[in-house]
Amino acid sequence: MKEEDLLKVILHRLAKIEAKMAKQDDLDEIHEQLFEQDEQIRHISDGLQALKVNLEIRHIENMNSDDVLLRSILDRKSLQYK
């Protein structure tokens, strides 16, 4: 094998290695992006959970105030008929 052919083979193998390394770099970048997205999704999920709890509390408060209002109206009507 001539020196020129050997250099071509070496350069070809180096090009393959470089392509694989570029793919690995791309995968590392994708992994980092996925990690960041996962953190963002967790943050959004926590916010939604807090909002859900807040809405449930408000709903219960509204039901209680509706109940108090209804009882007040019924008590007034019952007092009118006495």
Protein backbone atom coordinates (compact mmCIF):
# COMPACT_ATOMS: atom_id res chain seq x y z
CA MET A 1 0.00 0.00 0.00
CA LYS A 2 1.35 3.37 -0.96
CA GLU A 3 1.80 6.14 1.52
CA GLU A 4 -0.82 8.17 -0.33
CA ASP A 5 -3.37 5.34 -0.06
CA LEU A 6 -2.60 4.92 3.63
CA LEU A 7 -3.19 8.64 4.21
CA LYS A 8 -6.51 8.41 2.37
CA VAL A 9 -7.60 5.49 4.57
CA ILE A 10 -6.54 7.34 7.72
CA LEU A 11 -8.34 10.52 6.64
CA HIS A 12 -11.44 8.51 5.79
CA ARG A 13 -11.43 6.86 9.23
CA LEU A 14 -10.86 10.21 10.91
CA ALA A 15 -13.82 11.63 9.00
CA LYS A 16 -15.99 8.74 10.25
CA ILE A 17 -14.83 9.32 13.83
CA GLU A 18 -15.49 13.04 13.50
CA ALA A 19 -19.01 12.37 12.18
CA LYS A 20 -19.71 10.09 15.14
CA MET A 21 -18.37 12.71 17.55
CA ALA A 22 -20.60 15.34 15.95
CA LYS A 23 -23.56 13.03 16.45
CA GLN A 24 -22.56 12.57 20.09
CA ASP A 25 -22.33 16.36 20.51
CA ASP A 26 -25.80 16.67 19.00
CA LEU A 27 -27.09 14.03 21.41
CA ASP A 28 -25.51 15.84 24.34
CA GLU A 29 -27.21 19.07 23.27
CA ILE A 30 -30.54 17.29 22.84
CA HIS A 31 -30.13 15.70 26.27
CA GLU A 32 -29.48 19.10 27.82
CA GLN A 33 -32.54 20.58 26.08
CA LEU A 34 -34.71 17.69 27.27
CA PHE A 35 -33.44 18.18 30.82
CA GLU A 36 -34.32 21.89 30.67
CA GLN A 37 -37.76 21.11 29.24
CA ASP A 38 -38.33 18.56 31.99
CA GLU A 39 -37.55 21.21 34.61
CA GLN A 40 -39.92 23.65 32.91
CA ILE A 41 -42.67 21.03 32.75
CA ARG A 42 -42.22 20.29 36.46
CA HIS A 43 -42.44 24.01 37.23
CA ILE A 44 -45.63 24.31 35.15
CA SER A 45 -47.05 21.18 36.77
CA ASP A 46 -46.37 22.57 40.24
CA GLY A 47 -48.05 25.84 39.25
CA LEU A 48 -51.07 24.00 37.89
CA GLN A 49 -51.33 21.91 41.05
CA ALA A 50 -51.26 25.06 43.19
CA LEU A 51 -53.90 26.64 40.96
CA LYS A 52 -56.07 23.52 41.23
CA VAL A 53 -55.89 23.59 45.02
CA ASN A 54 -56.67 27.31 45.04
CA LEU A 55 -59.68 26.80 42.75
CA GLU A 56 -60.96 23.94 44.91
CA ILE A 57 -60.69 26.12 48.02
CA ARG A 58 -62.52 28.97 46.26
CA HIS A 59 -65.20 26.56 45.07
CA ILE A 60 -65.76 25.28 48.61
CA GLU A 61 -65.88 28.87 49.92
CA ASN A 62 -68.43 29.79 47.25
CA MET A 63 -70.55 26.75 48.08
CA ASN A 64 -70.43 27.67 51.76
CA SER A 65 -71.38 31.29 51.09
CA ASP A 66 -74.22 30.15 48.81
CA ASP A 67 -75.42 27.85 51.58
CA VAL A 68 -75.28 30.68 54.15
CA LEU A 69 -77.13 33.01 51.78
CA LEU A 70 -79.81 30.41 51.07
CA ARG A 71 -80.29 29.72 54.79
CA SER A 72 -80.55 33.45 55.44
CA ILE A 73 -83.23 33.82 52.78
CA LEU A 74 -85.13 30.80 54.08
CA ASP A 75 -84.90 32.08 57.67
CA ARG A 76 -86.29 35.48 56.62
CA LYS A 77 -89.17 33.84 54.79
CA SER A 78 -89.94 31.59 57.74
CA LEU A 79 -89.91 34.63 60.06
CA GLN A 80 -92.34 36.46 57.75
CA TYR A 81 -94.89 33.67 58.03
CA LYS A 82 -94.82 33.59 61.83
